[in-house]
């Protein structure tokens, strides 16, 4: 009986967080957009920047978690072919495995970078600035992200994504613009 109660409590705790755990990237994108409004309204204050980073982190974690993982053998093959360069790299890049390799590595870097921003709230401002600069990499590769998603047949094309919502990328360019303005505001603070 105690075991059943414990399982019920665990299930209830998981279900309490279900909206976040099961949110589509479109839902998470909307949360990011909502967190961006105070940035613009209140002049890019640090607490607003960190809140925005937390929403971006949730978006990138969800995006990363939805990408199929390569087997260890596929990962070793893709990595080896890409490192080899030349025709071998091109062949790997043209494969589904190469596209999944790129998406997994790329989105994991975005997760790690946004975790660094969130963690920077307890460290010197220089760490926050450096992490925001690194995050720009996540936002200027929109065409590559969409091309790789299409190549892997995960989305069935960009039009499909509007129905699917598993890989919603339509706001990435707007977030890029916001991140640039975050950096401008931080630089202005340091100059004063």
Protein backbone atom coordinates (compact mmCIF):
# COMPACT_ATOMS: atom_id res chain seq x y z
CA UNK A 1 0.00 0.00 0.00
CA UNK A 2 2.80 2.42 0.88
CA UNK A 3 4.42 1.65 -2.45
CA UNK A 4 1.20 2.52 -4.30
CA UNK A 5 0.87 5.79 -2.42
CA UNK A 6 4.49 6.64 -3.22
CA UNK A 7 3.92 5.85 -6.91
CA UNK A 8 0.76 7.97 -6.92
CA UNK A 9 2.67 10.88 -5.38
CA UNK A 10 5.43 10.58 -7.97
CA UNK A 11 2.84 10.40 -10.76
CA UNK A 12 1.04 13.47 -9.36
CA UNK A 13 4.31 15.41 -9.20
CA UNK A 14 5.11 14.50 -12.79
CA UNK A 15 1.63 15.43 -13.97
CA UNK A 16 1.84 18.78 -12.18
CA UNK A 17 4.77 19.55 -14.47
CA UNK A 18 3.18 17.94 -17.54
CA UNK A 19 2.35 21.19 -19.34
CA UNK A 20 6.06 22.01 -19.44
CA UNK A 21 7.24 18.45 -20.11
CA UNK A 22 4.75 17.90 -22.92
CA UNK A 23 4.76 21.39 -24.36
CA UNK A 24 5.41 21.68 -28.06
CA UNK A 25 8.21 23.91 -29.23
CA UNK A 26 5.45 26.27 -30.41
CA UNK A 27 4.15 26.52 -26.82
CA UNK A 28 7.66 27.07 -25.52
CA UNK A 29 8.30 29.66 -28.25
CA UNK A 30 5.23 31.54 -27.06
CA UNK A 31 6.64 31.47 -23.51
CA UNK A 32 9.94 32.90 -24.82
CA UNK A 33 8.07 35.66 -26.62
CA UNK A 34 6.15 36.49 -23.45
CA UNK A 35 9.44 36.71 -21.52
CA UNK A 36 10.87 39.06 -24.16
CA UNK A 37 8.22 41.72 -23.59
CA UNK A 38 9.51 42.86 -20.17
CA UNK A 39 13.02 43.12 -21.66
CA UNK A 40 11.86 45.71 -24.14
CA UNK A 41 9.50 47.43 -21.67
CA UNK A 42 11.97 47.73 -18.78
CA UNK A 43 15.25 48.36 -20.58
CA UNK A 44 16.88 44.92 -20.51
CA UNK A 45 17.31 44.58 -16.74
CA UNK A 46 19.43 41.63 -15.57
CA UNK A 47 16.54 39.76 -13.91
CA UNK A 48 14.53 40.05 -17.14
CA UNK A 49 17.51 38.83 -19.17
CA UNK A 50 17.89 35.79 -16.94
CA UNK A 51 14.15 35.04 -17.12
CA UNK A 52 14.35 35.29 -20.92
CA UNK A 53 17.35 32.93 -20.87
CA UNK A 54 15.40 30.42 -18.76
CA UNK A 55 12.62 30.35 -21.35
CA UNK A 56 15.14 30.00 -24.17
CA UNK A 57 16.80 27.16 -22.24
CA UNK A 58 13.45 25.34 -21.96
CA UNK A 59 12.91 25.83 -25.71
CA UNK A 60 16.35 24.46 -26.65
CA UNK A 61 16.09 21.55 -24.18
CA UNK A 62 12.76 20.55 -25.68
CA UNK A 63 14.04 20.95 -29.23
CA UNK A 64 17.14 18.87 -28.43
CA UNK A 65 15.14 16.15 -26.67
CA UNK A 66 12.87 15.70 -29.70
CA UNK A 67 15.72 14.97 -32.12
CA UNK A 68 16.32 11.23 -32.61
CA UNK A 69 19.65 10.04 -31.25
CA UNK A 70 22.17 8.18 -33.33
CA UNK A 71 23.41 4.82 -32.17
CA UNK A 72 27.00 4.81 -30.87
CA UNK A 73 28.12 3.21 -34.16
CA UNK A 74 26.31 5.85 -36.24
CA UNK A 75 27.73 8.61 -34.06
CA UNK A 76 31.27 7.27 -34.47
CA UNK A 77 30.79 6.94 -38.25
CA UNK A 78 29.40 10.47 -38.68
CA UNK A 79 32.06 12.00 -36.46
CA UNK A 80 34.86 10.14 -38.24
CA UNK A 81 33.60 11.04 -41.71
CA UNK A 82 33.19 14.70 -40.82
CA UNK A 83 36.68 14.84 -39.30
CA UNK A 84 38.12 13.16 -42.41
CA UNK A 85 37.06 16.10 -44.54
CA UNK A 86 36.77 16.20 -48.31
CA UNK A 87 34.42 13.82 -50.11
CA UNK A 88 33.90 11.70 -47.00
CA UNK A 89 32.69 14.74 -45.06
CA UNK A 90 30.40 15.77 -47.92
CA UNK A 91 28.94 12.25 -48.14
CA UNK A 92 28.32 12.22 -44.37
CA UNK A 93 26.79 15.70 -44.44
CA UNK A 94 24.41 14.58 -47.20
CA UNK A 95 23.20 11.59 -45.17
CA UNK A 96 20.35 11.47 -42.68
CA UNK A 97 22.87 10.43 -40.02
CA UNK A 98 25.00 13.49 -40.80
CA UNK A 99 21.97 15.75 -40.48
CA UNK A 100 21.00 14.17 -37.15
CA UNK A 101 24.62 14.47 -35.98
CA UNK A 102 24.59 18.20 -36.80
CA UNK A 103 21.20 18.78 -35.12
CA UNK A 104 22.18 16.87 -31.98
CA UNK A 105 25.54 18.63 -31.59
CA UNK A 106 24.13 22.05 -32.49
CA UNK A 107 21.11 21.93 -30.16
CA UNK A 108 23.21 20.47 -27.30
CA UNK A 109 25.55 23.45 -27.64
CA UNK A 110 22.54 25.77 -27.47
CA UNK A 111 21.30 24.01 -24.33
CA UNK A 112 24.73 24.31 -22.69
CA UNK A 113 25.12 27.97 -23.68
CA UNK A 114 21.72 28.96 -22.28
CA UNK A 115 22.43 26.98 -19.10
CA UNK A 116 25.60 29.09 -18.78
CA UNK A 117 23.50 32.26 -19.07
CA UNK A 118 21.08 31.06 -16.38
CA UNK A 119 24.00 30.05 -14.15
CA UNK A 120 25.59 33.49 -14.66
CA UNK A 121 23.04 35.08 -12.32
CA UNK A 122 25.31 34.09 -9.43
CA UNK A 123 28.57 35.04 -11.12
CA UNK A 124 30.23 38.23 -12.38
CA UNK A 125 28.51 40.11 -15.22
CA UNK A 126 31.37 39.26 -17.59
CA UNK A 127 30.29 35.62 -17.56
CA UNK A 128 26.76 36.62 -18.56
CA UNK A 129 28.05 38.76 -21.42
CA UNK A 130 30.32 35.99 -22.70
CA UNK A 131 27.47 33.46 -22.58
CA UNK A 132 25.08 35.79 -24.47
CA UNK A 133 27.76 36.27 -27.14
CA UNK A 134 28.08 32.48 -27.48
CA UNK A 135 24.29 32.19 -27.75
CA UNK A 136 24.31 34.18 -31.00
CA UNK A 137 25.50 30.98 -32.68
CA UNK A 138 22.09 29.45 -31.90
CA UNK A 139 20.19 32.14 -33.78
CA UNK A 140 22.04 32.94 -36.96
CA UNK A 141 21.88 29.39 -38.39
CA UNK A 142 18.11 29.29 -38.97
CA UNK A 143 18.46 28.24 -42.61
CA UNK A 144 20.84 25.42 -41.66
CA UNK A 145 18.52 24.20 -38.90
CA UNK A 146 15.52 24.13 -41.23
CA UNK A 147 17.52 22.48 -44.03
CA UNK A 148 18.74 19.73 -41.69
CA UNK A 149 15.24 19.20 -40.29
CA UNK A 150 13.93 18.84 -43.83
CA UNK A 151 16.83 16.54 -44.77
CA UNK A 152 16.08 14.19 -41.87
CA UNK A 153 12.39 14.11 -42.81
CA UNK A 154 11.56 15.07 -39.22
CA UNK A 155 9.28 17.89 -40.29
CA UNK A 156 8.12 16.93 -43.74
CA UNK A 157 9.09 20.45 -44.78
CA UNK A 158 8.61 23.84 -43.21
CA UNK A 159 4.89 23.96 -44.09
CA UNK A 160 4.40 20.71 -42.15
CA UNK A 161 6.04 22.28 -39.10
CA UNK A 162 3.12 24.69 -38.75
CA UNK A 163 0.86 21.66 -38.19
CA UNK A 164 3.36 19.49 -36.32
CA UNK A 165 4.80 21.97 -33.78
CA UNK A 166 7.57 19.56 -32.79
CA UNK A 167 10.22 21.73 -34.37
CA UNK A 168 8.91 25.29 -34.40
CA UNK A 169 11.65 27.64 -35.59
CA UNK A 170 9.67 30.63 -36.82
CA UNK A 171 10.73 33.01 -34.00
CA UNK A 172 14.46 32.26 -34.00
CA UNK A 173 15.28 35.35 -36.11
CA UNK A 174 13.32 37.59 -33.73
CA UNK A 175 15.17 36.10 -30.74
CA UNK A 176 18.46 36.77 -32.54
CA UNK A 177 17.47 40.44 -32.75
CA UNK A 178 16.57 40.45 -29.04
CA UNK A 179 19.87 38.83 -28.03
CA UNK A 180 21.77 41.49 -29.99
CA UNK A 181 19.89 44.17 -28.06
CA UNK A 182 20.65 42.41 -24.78
CA UNK A 183 24.34 42.61 -25.64
CA UNK A 184 24.05 46.27 -26.61
CA UNK A 185 22.37 47.02 -23.26
CA UNK A 186 25.08 45.15 -21.32
CA UNK A 187 27.81 47.03 -23.20
CA UNK A 188 26.09 50.34 -22.46
CA UNK A 189 25.96 49.42 -18.74
CA UNK A 190 29.69 48.65 -18.75
CA UNK A 191 30.46 51.93 -20.52
CA UNK A 192 28.66 54.02 -17.87
